Protein backbone atom coordinates (compact mmCIF):
# COMPACT_ATOMS: atom_id res chain seq x y z
CA UNK A 1 -79.56 71.80 219.06
CA UNK A 2 -78.00 68.42 217.31
CA UNK A 3 -77.44 70.13 214.07
CA UNK A 4 -76.19 72.94 216.01
CA UNK A 5 -73.35 71.07 217.51
CA UNK A 6 -72.56 68.76 214.07
CA UNK A 7 -72.06 71.71 212.69
CA UNK A 8 -69.86 73.89 214.74
CA UNK A 9 -65.99 73.97 214.44
CA UNK A 10 -65.86 72.12 218.44
CA UNK A 11 -67.49 68.86 216.49
CA UNK A 12 -64.73 68.98 214.03
CA UNK A 13 -61.83 69.27 216.48
CA UNK A 14 -63.71 66.20 218.17
CA UNK A 15 -64.31 64.35 214.75
CA UNK A 16 -60.09 64.64 214.70
CA UNK A 17 -59.14 63.41 217.78
CA UNK A 18 -57.38 59.66 217.13
CA UNK A 19 -58.38 58.66 220.91
CA UNK A 20 -61.70 60.24 221.03
CA UNK A 21 -62.55 57.90 217.97
CA UNK A 22 -61.25 54.07 220.00
CA UNK A 23 -62.87 55.58 222.98
CA UNK A 24 -65.86 55.56 220.71
CA UNK A 25 -65.93 52.89 219.97
CA UNK A 26 -65.19 51.05 222.64
CA UNK A 27 -67.85 52.68 224.46
CA UNK A 28 -69.80 51.49 221.49
CA UNK A 29 -69.00 48.36 222.16
CA UNK A 30 -70.46 48.19 225.41
CA UNK A 31 -73.80 49.91 224.33
CA UNK A 32 -74.56 47.05 221.83
CA UNK A 33 -73.66 44.52 224.66
CA UNK A 34 -76.00 46.29 227.02
CA UNK A 35 -78.22 46.64 224.37
CA UNK A 36 -78.46 43.37 223.21
CA UNK A 37 -79.19 42.31 226.94
CA UNK A 38 -81.54 44.75 227.37
CA UNK A 39 -83.53 43.04 223.96
CA UNK A 40 -83.47 39.52 224.96
CA UNK A 41 -84.73 40.28 228.50
CA UNK A 42 -87.36 41.93 227.21
CA UNK A 43 -88.50 39.09 224.63
CA UNK A 44 -87.16 36.18 227.52
CA UNK A 45 -90.33 38.09 229.88
CA UNK A 46 -92.89 38.48 226.43
CA UNK A 47 -92.49 34.96 225.65
CA UNK A 48 -93.17 33.87 229.86
CA UNK A 49 -95.80 35.92 230.13
CA UNK A 50 -97.52 34.44 226.80
CA UNK A 51 -96.65 31.50 227.05
CA UNK A 52 -95.15 31.30 224.16
CA UNK A 53 -91.44 30.58 223.98
CA UNK A 54 -88.92 30.39 227.12
CA UNK A 55 -84.93 31.89 226.32
CA UNK A 56 -83.40 30.48 229.34
CA UNK A 57 -83.30 27.41 226.92
CA UNK A 58 -81.22 29.15 224.00
CA UNK A 59 -77.95 28.80 223.96
CA UNK A 60 -76.86 31.89 222.60
CA UNK A 61 -80.24 33.91 223.01
CA UNK A 62 -80.50 32.86 226.26
CA UNK A 63 -76.93 33.22 227.69
CA UNK A 64 -77.27 37.03 229.25
CA UNK A 65 -80.38 36.34 231.07
CA UNK A 66 -80.59 37.23 235.00
CA UNK A 67 -80.88 33.30 235.52
CA UNK A 68 -77.79 32.70 233.87
CA UNK A 69 -75.67 34.46 235.90
CA UNK A 70 -76.58 32.59 239.13
CA UNK A 71 -76.13 29.55 236.73
CA UNK A 72 -73.31 27.06 237.96
CA UNK A 73 -71.28 25.89 235.17
CA UNK A 74 -68.07 24.36 237.23
CA UNK A 75 -65.90 23.79 240.28
CA UNK A 76 -65.37 26.76 242.67
CA UNK A 77 -62.68 29.22 241.79
CA UNK A 78 -61.01 27.70 238.30
CA UNK A 79 -58.35 29.64 237.31
CA UNK A 80 -59.08 31.65 233.52
CA UNK A 81 -57.37 31.28 230.65
CA UNK A 82 -56.98 27.68 230.71
CA UNK A 83 -54.04 28.48 234.12
CA UNK A 84 -52.43 25.12 235.70
CA UNK A 85 -53.76 25.34 239.42
CA UNK A 86 -51.96 23.70 241.96
CA UNK A 87 -52.08 19.97 243.16
CA UNK A 88 -54.23 21.00 245.71
CA UNK A 89 -56.79 23.11 243.51
CA UNK A 90 -56.96 20.10 240.95
CA UNK A 91 -58.00 18.01 244.05
CA UNK A 92 -60.92 20.12 244.83
CA UNK A 93 -61.98 20.74 241.55
CA UNK A 94 -61.94 17.34 240.88
CA UNK A 95 -63.28 15.85 244.10
CA UNK A 96 -66.70 18.03 243.63
CA UNK A 97 -66.96 17.21 239.62
CA UNK A 98 -66.41 13.70 240.92
CA UNK A 99 -69.08 14.24 244.07
CA UNK A 100 -71.88 15.84 241.59
CA UNK A 101 -71.69 12.81 239.22
CA UNK A 102 -72.32 10.35 242.56
CA UNK A 103 -75.21 12.68 243.37
CA UNK A 104 -76.61 12.16 239.42
CA UNK A 105 -76.65 8.11 240.44
CA UNK A 106 -77.76 8.82 244.16
CA UNK A 107 -81.46 10.32 242.64
CA UNK A 108 -80.66 6.92 239.76
CA UNK A 109 -80.64 4.61 242.53
CA UNK A 110 -83.81 6.91 244.30
CA UNK A 111 -86.10 6.22 241.57
CA UNK A 112 -89.18 4.29 241.86
CA UNK A 113 -89.41 0.63 240.38
CA UNK A 114 -92.57 1.93 238.10
CA UNK A 115 -91.26 5.12 236.93
CA UNK A 116 -91.51 6.21 233.70
CA UNK A 117 -87.93 8.78 233.80
CA UNK A 118 -85.10 6.03 232.60
CA UNK A 119 -81.62 6.29 234.33
CA UNK A 120 -80.36 8.15 231.32
CA UNK A 121 -82.72 10.59 231.15
CA UNK A 122 -81.83 11.11 234.93
CA UNK A 123 -77.65 11.38 233.82
CA UNK A 124 -78.91 13.95 231.44
CA UNK A 125 -80.49 16.23 233.02
CA UNK A 126 -77.44 16.55 235.81
CA UNK A 127 -75.79 19.33 233.23
CA UNK A 128 -73.20 22.35 233.68
CA UNK A 129 -74.27 24.42 231.51
CA UNK A 130 -73.40 22.80 227.85
CA UNK A 131 -70.80 20.05 230.15
CA UNK A 132 -73.03 16.96 230.86
CA UNK A 133 -72.96 13.54 231.97
CA UNK A 134 -71.72 10.99 229.35
CA UNK A 135 -74.03 9.03 227.05
CA UNK A 136 -72.81 6.22 228.16
CA UNK A 137 -75.29 3.30 230.18
CA UNK A 138 -75.73 3.83 233.66
CA UNK A 139 -73.12 1.50 235.04
CA UNK A 140 -70.51 2.12 233.36
CA UNK A 141 -70.19 5.73 234.63
CA UNK A 142 -71.01 4.03 238.16
CA UNK A 143 -68.01 1.83 237.62
CA UNK A 144 -66.09 5.53 236.72
CA UNK A 145 -67.36 6.75 239.77
CA UNK A 146 -66.26 3.87 241.50
CA UNK A 147 -62.62 3.72 240.17
CA UNK A 148 -62.00 7.38 241.32
CA UNK A 149 -63.74 7.63 244.23
CA UNK A 150 -61.14 4.81 245.32
CA UNK A 151 -58.49 6.66 244.17
CA UNK A 152 -59.89 9.72 246.58
CA UNK A 153 -59.53 6.94 249.21
CA UNK A 154 -56.03 6.22 248.53
CA UNK A 155 -55.25 10.36 248.91
CA UNK A 156 -56.53 11.33 251.71
CA UNK A 157 -54.81 7.75 252.77
CA UNK A 158 -51.49 9.85 252.08
CA UNK A 159 -52.45 12.81 253.27
CA UNK A 160 -53.11 11.20 256.63
CA UNK A 161 -49.90 10.18 256.87
CA UNK A 162 -48.87 14.39 255.05
CA UNK A 163 -50.67 15.50 257.89
CA UNK A 164 -48.69 12.94 260.82
CA UNK A 165 -45.72 14.09 259.77
CA UNK A 166 -46.39 17.62 259.63
CA UNK A 167 -48.03 17.24 263.30
CA UNK A 168 -44.27 15.68 264.23
CA UNK A 169 -42.43 18.38 262.95
CA UNK A 170 -44.60 21.33 264.16
CA UNK A 171 -44.35 20.32 267.39
CA UNK A 172 -39.98 19.59 267.16
CA UNK A 173 -39.85 23.31 265.86
CA UNK A 174 -41.29 24.41 269.09
CA UNK A 175 -39.55 22.28 271.12
CA UNK A 176 -36.32 23.53 269.41
CA UNK A 177 -37.21 27.40 269.58
CA UNK A 178 -37.16 26.69 273.29
CA UNK A 179 -33.88 24.71 273.41
CA UNK A 180 -32.42 27.89 271.25
CA UNK A 181 -33.76 30.82 273.68
CA UNK A 182 -33.78 30.30 277.58
CA UNK A 183 -34.39 32.58 280.18
CA UNK A 184 -31.64 34.01 281.48
CA UNK A 185 -33.25 33.87 284.56
CA UNK A 186 -31.16 31.27 287.74
CA UNK A 187 -32.85 28.07 289.09
CA UNK A 188 -35.89 28.46 290.83
CA UNK A 189 -37.08 31.76 289.42
CA UNK A 190 -40.56 32.38 287.46
CA UNK A 191 -39.24 32.21 284.59
CA UNK A 192 -37.59 29.75 284.66
CA UNK A 193 -39.68 27.54 285.74
CA UNK A 194 -42.00 28.14 283.42
CA UNK A 195 -39.27 27.34 281.50
CA UNK A 196 -38.98 24.43 282.60
CA UNK A 197 -43.24 23.59 282.20
CA UNK A 198 -42.67 24.48 278.60
CA UNK A 199 -40.23 22.65 277.62
CA UNK A 200 -41.59 19.40 279.64
CA UNK A 201 -45.00 19.99 277.47
CA UNK A 202 -43.47 20.34 274.49
CA UNK A 203 -41.34 16.75 274.97
CA UNK A 204 -44.94 15.25 275.76
CA UNK A 205 -46.84 16.96 272.76
CA UNK A 206 -43.22 15.47 270.92
CA UNK A 207 -43.61 12.18 272.06
CA UNK A 208 -47.68 11.53 271.31
CA UNK A 209 -47.46 13.29 267.74
CA UNK A 210 -44.79 10.58 266.65
CA UNK A 211 -46.46 7.51 268.34
CA UNK A 212 -49.64 8.49 266.36
CA UNK A 213 -47.58 9.58 262.64
CA UNK A 214 -46.24 5.97 263.51
CA UNK A 215 -50.19 4.63 263.21
CA UNK A 216 -50.34 5.64 259.82
CA UNK A 217 -47.09 5.72 258.15
CA UNK A 218 -45.85 3.25 255.52
CA UNK A 219 -43.38 0.10 257.70
CA UNK A 220 -40.16 1.36 256.13
CA UNK A 221 -40.87 5.00 257.04
CA UNK A 222 -37.75 6.21 258.98
CA UNK A 223 -40.70 6.83 261.66
CA UNK A 224 -40.99 3.71 262.38
CA UNK A 225 -37.53 2.81 263.13
CA UNK A 226 -37.00 5.56 265.67
CA UNK A 227 -35.89 4.84 268.78
CA UNK A 228 -37.81 6.42 271.36
CA UNK A 229 -36.28 5.50 274.56
CA UNK A 230 -34.19 8.66 274.90
CA UNK A 231 -37.14 10.61 274.71
CA UNK A 232 -39.12 8.98 276.71
CA UNK A 233 -36.63 9.39 278.84
CA UNK A 234 -36.25 12.98 278.69
CA UNK A 235 -39.40 13.86 279.46
CA UNK A 236 -39.22 11.34 282.75
CA UNK A 237 -35.75 13.30 283.91
CA UNK A 238 -37.97 16.89 283.02
CA UNK A 239 -40.91 15.02 285.05
CA UNK A 240 -38.22 14.58 287.97
CA UNK A 241 -36.82 17.45 288.37
CA UNK A 242 -37.61 20.14 290.31
CA UNK A 243 -39.11 23.38 290.09
CA UNK A 244 -35.83 24.92 291.37
CA UNK A 245 -33.66 23.41 288.42
CA UNK A 246 -32.06 26.47 285.96
CA UNK A 247 -32.83 26.74 282.24
CA UNK A 248 -29.35 25.50 281.24
CA UNK A 249 -30.51 21.65 283.27
CA UNK A 250 -33.38 21.48 281.63
CA UNK A 251 -31.47 21.88 278.25
CA UNK A 252 -29.43 19.31 279.74
CA UNK A 253 -31.87 16.85 279.58
CA UNK A 254 -32.75 16.97 276.16
CA UNK A 255 -30.94 15.89 273.58
CA UNK A 256 -30.51 17.94 270.15
CA UNK A 257 -28.51 15.11 268.85
CA UNK A 258 -31.27 13.03 269.12
CA UNK A 259 -34.28 14.97 268.42
CA UNK A 260 -32.33 15.71 264.88
CA UNK A 261 -32.57 11.90 264.15
CA UNK A 262 -36.69 12.93 263.17
CA UNK A 263 -34.75 15.07 259.73
CA UNK A 264 -33.95 11.70 258.49
CA UNK A 265 -35.55 10.53 255.17
CA UNK A 266 -37.62 14.11 255.11
CA UNK A 267 -37.12 15.08 251.10
CA UNK A 268 -37.54 11.36 250.37
CA UNK A 269 -41.02 10.88 252.38
CA UNK A 270 -42.40 14.17 250.84
CA UNK A 271 -40.84 13.24 247.19
CA UNK A 272 -43.09 10.18 247.12
CA UNK A 273 -45.98 11.81 249.13
CA UNK A 274 -45.92 14.35 245.66
CA UNK A 275 -45.60 11.45 243.65
CA UNK A 276 -48.46 9.17 245.03
CA UNK A 277 -50.92 12.26 245.37
CA UNK A 278 -49.72 13.25 241.14
CA UNK A 279 -50.41 9.99 239.69
CA UNK A 280 -54.08 9.27 241.72
CA UNK A 281 -54.67 12.48 240.91
CA UNK A 282 -54.01 11.92 236.52
CA UNK A 283 -55.66 8.89 236.83
CA UNK A 284 -58.58 11.06 238.59
CA UNK A 285 -59.06 13.70 236.26
CA UNK A 286 -58.93 11.11 233.20
CA UNK A 287 -61.99 9.43 234.99
CA UNK A 288 -63.79 12.48 235.31
CA UNK A 289 -62.92 13.40 231.34
CA UNK A 290 -64.77 10.35 231.12
CA UNK A 291 -67.69 10.99 233.02
CA UNK A 292 -68.37 14.71 232.24
CA UNK A 293 -66.28 15.00 228.58
CA UNK A 294 -65.52 19.02 227.66
CA UNK A 295 -68.66 19.40 224.94
CA UNK A 296 -67.36 19.43 221.46
CA UNK A 297 -67.92 21.73 218.86
CA UNK A 298 -70.55 25.00 219.46
CA UNK A 299 -71.56 23.65 222.41
CA UNK A 300 -67.26 23.21 223.58
CA UNK A 301 -67.12 27.01 222.19
CA UNK A 302 -69.99 28.49 224.00
CA UNK A 303 -68.22 26.68 227.42
CA UNK A 304 -65.27 27.64 226.82
CA UNK A 305 -65.86 31.28 226.71
CA UNK A 306 -68.01 30.83 229.73
CA UNK A 307 -65.06 29.17 231.15
CA UNK A 308 -62.23 32.28 229.55
CA UNK A 309 -61.92 33.90 233.20
CA UNK A 310 -62.73 30.73 235.57
CA UNK A 311 -65.89 30.92 237.95
CA UNK A 312 -66.33 32.68 242.02
CA UNK A 313 -66.98 30.52 245.07
CA UNK A 314 -70.05 28.87 243.67
CA UNK A 315 -68.93 28.26 240.57
CA UNK A 316 -70.67 31.14 238.28
CA UNK A 317 -68.85 31.78 234.87
CA UNK A 318 -66.76 35.18 236.21
CA UNK A 319 -66.87 36.54 232.34
CA UNK A 320 -70.85 36.01 232.05
CA UNK A 321 -71.14 38.11 234.98
CA UNK A 322 -68.82 40.70 234.37
CA UNK A 323 -70.57 41.38 230.80
CA UNK A 324 -74.23 41.23 232.50
CA UNK A 325 -72.63 43.52 234.43
CA UNK A 326 -71.74 45.97 231.96
CA UNK A 327 -75.35 46.24 231.40
CA UNK A 328 -76.59 46.79 235.40
CA UNK A 329 -73.22 49.80 234.78
CA UNK A 330 -74.03 51.45 231.20
CA UNK A 331 -77.97 50.89 232.71
CA UNK A 332 -77.21 52.77 235.81
CA UNK A 333 -74.63 55.68 234.29
CA UNK A 334 -76.95 56.55 231.55
CA UNK A 335 -79.95 57.02 233.39
CA UNK A 336 -79.06 59.15 236.57
CA UNK A 337 -76.22 61.11 234.19
CA UNK A 338 -79.37 61.86 231.81
CA UNK A 339 -81.92 62.47 234.14
CA UNK A 340 -79.30 64.85 236.45
CA UNK A 341 -78.01 67.01 233.08
CA UNK A 342 -81.64 67.48 232.45
CA UNK A 343 -83.13 68.21 235.62
CA UNK A 344 -80.36 70.13 236.89
CA UNK A 345 -80.18 72.23 233.29
CA UNK A 346 -83.60 73.00 233.63
CA UNK A 347 -82.90 74.40 236.51
CA UNK A 348 -79.73 75.90 236.32
CA UNK A 349 -80.72 78.41 233.51
CA UNK A 350 -84.33 79.28 234.78
CA UNK A 351 -82.54 80.39 238.23
CA UNK A 352 -80.19 82.08 236.03
CA UNK A 353 -82.11 83.54 233.49
CA UNK A 354 -85.06 84.43 236.12
CA UNK A 355 -83.27 85.76 238.76
CA UNK A 356 -85.03 86.81 242.08
CA UNK A 357 -86.97 84.27 244.52
CA UNK A 358 -85.92 81.35 241.45
CA UNK A 359 -82.37 81.96 241.43
CA UNK A 360 -82.06 82.62 245.56
CA UNK A 361 -84.57 79.14 245.81
CA UNK A 362 -82.51 76.44 243.33
CA UNK A 363 -79.51 78.17 245.39
CA UNK A 364 -80.12 77.63 248.80
CA UNK A 365 -81.53 74.10 247.05
CA UNK A 366 -78.32 73.10 245.97
CA UNK A 367 -76.01 74.64 248.39
CA UNK A 368 -78.34 73.03 251.29
CA UNK A 369 -77.58 69.35 249.96
CA UNK A 370 -73.21 70.42 249.01
CA UNK A 371 -72.91 70.59 253.08
CA UNK A 372 -73.64 67.58 253.07
CA UNK A 373 -70.92 65.13 252.19
CA UNK A 374 -71.89 62.89 249.06
CA UNK A 375 -71.39 59.41 250.04
CA UNK A 376 -72.79 59.51 253.85
CA UNK A 377 -76.10 61.48 251.57
CA UNK A 378 -76.02 58.86 249.08
CA UNK A 379 -76.14 55.45 251.77
CA UNK A 380 -78.90 57.47 253.54
CA UNK A 381 -81.32 57.95 250.87
CA UNK A 382 -80.26 54.22 249.54
CA UNK A 383 -81.04 53.32 253.01
CA UNK A 384 -84.70 54.98 253.38
CA UNK A 385 -85.74 52.04 250.42
CA UNK A 386 -84.93 48.93 253.41
CA UNK A 387 -87.94 47.04 253.06
CA UNK A 388 -89.49 48.35 250.97
CA UNK A 389 -91.06 46.88 247.65
CA UNK A 390 -88.22 48.36 245.81
CA UNK A 391 -85.53 46.98 247.76
CA UNK A 392 -84.14 44.46 245.51
CA UNK A 393 -84.37 47.14 242.53
CA UNK A 394 -82.74 49.45 240.79
CA UNK A 395 -84.90 52.30 242.28
CA UNK A 396 -83.02 53.37 245.18
CA UNK A 397 -79.69 53.69 243.26
CA UNK A 398 -81.72 55.89 240.82
CA UNK A 399 -82.91 58.11 243.35
CA UNK A 400 -80.27 58.36 245.75
CA UNK A 401 -77.93 59.38 242.71
CA UNK A 402 -80.04 61.92 241.00
CA UNK A 403 -81.00 63.74 244.07
CA UNK A 404 -77.42 64.26 244.37
CA UNK A 405 -75.89 64.89 240.70
CA UNK A 406 -77.57 67.41 239.69
CA UNK A 407 -76.12 69.89 242.00
CA UNK A 408 -73.25 69.90 239.32
CA UNK A 409 -74.94 70.40 236.02
CA UNK A 410 -77.00 73.13 238.04
CA UNK A 411 -74.16 75.16 239.39
CA UNK A 412 -72.29 74.76 235.51
CA UNK A 413 -75.30 75.41 233.30
CA UNK A 414 -76.36 78.66 235.86
CA UNK A 415 -72.56 80.36 235.50
CA UNK A 416 -73.03 79.89 231.51
CA UNK A 417 -76.47 81.19 231.29
CA UNK A 418 -75.57 84.15 233.60
CA UNK A 419 -72.74 85.32 231.06
CA UNK A 420 -75.36 84.56 228.31
CA UNK A 421 -78.59 86.29 229.19
CA UNK A 422 -75.94 89.25 228.72
CA UNK A 423 -74.93 88.91 225.52
CA UNK A 424 -76.23 91.12 222.33
CA UNK A 425 -78.81 88.47 220.65
CA UNK A 426 -80.25 87.41 224.65
CA UNK A 427 -80.71 91.29 224.34
CA UNK A 428 -82.15 91.73 220.96
CA UNK A 429 -83.98 88.73 221.07
CA UNK A 430 -85.59 90.90 224.60
CA UNK A 431 -85.87 94.05 222.48
CA UNK A 432 -87.57 91.84 219.26
CA UNK A 433 -90.27 91.11 222.13
CA UNK A 434 -90.25 87.74 222.61
CA UNK A 435 -91.73 86.37 225.45
CA UNK A 436 -88.62 84.99 227.84
CA UNK A 437 -89.67 80.92 227.95
CA UNK A 438 -89.00 80.84 224.18
CA UNK A 439 -85.41 83.20 224.09
CA UNK A 440 -84.43 80.94 226.78
CA UNK A 441 -85.21 77.09 225.18
CA UNK A 442 -85.33 78.71 221.83
CA UNK A 443 -81.00 80.68 222.50
CA UNK A 444 -80.16 80.60 225.59
CA UNK A 445 -80.37 76.94 226.47
CA UNK A 446 -78.75 75.58 223.61
CA UNK A 447 -75.12 77.69 223.90
CA UNK A 448 -75.15 75.47 227.18
CA UNK A 449 -74.96 71.73 225.10
CA UNK A 450 -71.28 71.47 225.10
CA UNK A 451 -71.84 71.72 228.62
CA UNK A 452 -74.71 69.25 229.28
CA UNK A 453 -72.84 66.55 227.10
CA UNK A 454 -69.53 67.23 228.99
CA UNK A 455 -71.20 66.70 232.22
CA UNK A 456 -73.39 63.77 231.35
CA UNK A 457 -69.78 62.38 230.01
CA UNK A 458 -68.82 63.21 233.92
CA UNK A 459 -72.11 61.93 235.58
CA UNK A 460 -71.69 59.09 233.77
CA UNK A 461 -68.45 57.73 235.33
CA UNK A 462 -68.93 59.17 238.83
CA UNK A 463 -72.66 56.93 238.45
CA UNK A 464 -70.83 53.98 237.61
CA UNK A 465 -67.80 54.38 240.52
CA UNK A 466 -70.27 55.27 243.11
CA UNK A 467 -72.86 52.17 242.18
CA UNK A 468 -69.41 50.40 243.01
CA UNK A 469 -68.37 51.89 246.22
CA UNK A 470 -72.81 51.89 248.02
CA UNK A 471 -72.45 47.77 246.48
CA UNK A 472 -69.64 47.23 248.13
CA UNK A 473 -70.96 48.74 251.10
CA UNK A 474 -74.46 46.75 251.41
CA UNK A 475 -76.33 49.56 250.62
CA UNK A 476 -76.98 49.20 246.43
CA UNK A 477 -77.40 46.63 244.39
CA UNK A 478 -78.72 43.19 246.79
CA UNK A 479 -79.35 40.74 244.20
CA UNK A 480 -78.34 39.89 240.17
CA UNK A 481 -75.05 40.97 239.17
CA UNK A 482 -73.22 43.67 239.21
CA UNK A 483 -69.17 45.06 239.56
CA UNK A 484 -69.76 46.07 243.16
CA UNK A 485 -71.39 42.74 243.93
CA UNK A 486 -68.60 40.99 242.03
CA UNK A 487 -66.20 43.01 243.65
CA UNK A 488 -67.67 42.38 247.23
CA UNK A 489 -68.10 38.98 247.11
CA UNK A 490 -64.50 38.16 246.17
CA UNK A 491 -63.04 39.31 249.37
CA UNK A 492 -62.51 35.65 251.14
CA UNK A 493 -61.30 35.01 247.36
CA UNK A 494 -58.65 37.54 247.35
CA UNK A 495 -57.92 36.20 250.87
CA UNK A 496 -56.31 32.72 249.31
CA UNK A 497 -55.05 34.24 246.87
CA UNK A 498 -57.36 34.16 243.71
CA UNK A 499 -57.97 37.38 242.07
CA UNK A 500 -59.97 36.53 238.34
CA UNK A 501 -63.85 37.28 240.35
CA UNK A 502 -62.04 40.63 241.37
CA UNK A 503 -59.62 41.51 238.54
CA UNK A 504 -62.11 40.62 236.17
CA UNK A 505 -64.57 43.40 237.48
CA UNK A 506 -61.89 46.20 238.02
CA UNK A 507 -60.72 45.69 234.77
CA UNK A 508 -64.37 45.94 232.55
CA UNK A 509 -64.88 48.93 234.84
CA UNK A 510 -61.42 50.34 234.11
CA UNK A 511 -62.29 50.45 230.08
CA UNK A 512 -65.42 51.95 230.49
CA UNK A 513 -64.19 54.44 232.82
CA UNK A 514 -61.60 55.00 231.08
CA UNK A 515 -63.24 55.15 227.63
CA UNK A 516 -65.88 57.59 229.04
CA UNK A 517 -62.88 59.96 230.60
CA UNK A 518 -61.19 60.25 227.18
CA UNK A 519 -64.22 61.99 225.60
CA UNK A 520 -64.53 63.65 228.20
CA UNK A 521 -61.33 65.63 227.90
CA UNK A 522 -61.83 65.70 224.35
CA UNK A 523 -65.69 67.18 224.50
CA UNK A 524 -63.35 69.89 226.76
CA UNK A 525 -61.16 70.94 224.08
CA UNK A 526 -63.47 70.99 221.53
CA UNK A 527 -66.55 72.89 223.38
CA UNK A 528 -65.40 74.13 226.25
CA UNK A 529 -64.11 77.95 225.64
CA UNK A 530 -61.36 77.91 228.29
CA UNK A 531 -59.84 75.16 226.99
CA UNK A 532 -60.70 75.96 223.06
CA UNK A 533 -56.72 77.67 221.49
């Protein structure tokens, strides 16, 4: 079959298709990656079973082991390609790294006096992949950590000031919004009474917020010198106003000119806060680089590769997870497409060639399955494995997809075989005396090979996309790494404006699916008689 395919005119047309050739190179790269991961997983499994070797400690050979996809390599939600993030994100990253070093120092403090493990060995074990604590005396690391912690205390103090001032501004805006939109009601009406109560509460909240802010702002801050007597008098006046007072009387008790005084020094204060936080952050990042220096040489190149696309919420490498997920996608696509095409081709060709009750049984089977929505059927089939020993394996995915994806190839092959069995060479083989199984396997099925290849490519794409959908819904792969898991886990990240994980999974899947789409179109143009001019 393959020899006949290579000698056909369609194969020549396919080879001359430049887009298809580029797509094949892309697919080949994915296949090489998947093959490498499969090989290393097999070697690692044999080594652990025999006790001969352990690839998890090998930087290259063990990079794509399943447990390495779950390894923490840095702070949470680090942007890829070295993109500079906001001051807030950089502060959170530095804070996590300082705490990481602090945890290692606590382990040093808990060492028994008679322990054979030295403090330097404890610090050496604290690693983020290839990045570890500096090989300096523990006392020096402790000094750097204390200095960084002191700087974080300064930042916390500045943040308390910023939060206190923000609380004042918020309550000021609420009060001004009330004064700008008074109800059109006479005194004594429920609307006027409600307006009086809301205005009084807003003025009291503003007064309390200013008093709280004065406790943390610097001595020279304008809030320190702000005279509160007008606001206190306004609160007292509002308290004494009768409930029958009009909205105009309520507004008259609050001086807009006094509220405008709160805006004094806002720009200078904000700039000072930003400068102070920025200066402290630069010093902290310098100390972090001393405590956790970036590796150099070969280890530095590996760590840089891990961090190319940043990290997810658990601090895991998005690049490693994306590449490993390509292996899962190819494995699911190849197994499902191959089994579905072979099974569908066998049933379809048998139904068309033998006819009668065989044809009726096959038609009834795929008609019954086709009457159910495919996504619902896939979900039900996957749900059947919940609680079984196979729940966390790929077997539920294989079973769910293979039991439904064979329908398309079966219909297509059945229609083609119905046409082929009427051709002269098939009838001549029957007249010569060949039995029907021989004719089916030797003459009929080989002439449907172009449809098998086309359907294989289409089902490969469908299996990958369906796996992502089922996994996103929680019915597919439960553990490990896959593009569906990455997209599902990126939901809270997207809310916070972090798109690296969902973007990486989408791009890797898009490239593979697009390559197979191009190949499928090229196969149809080259081999399908309906497309051949």
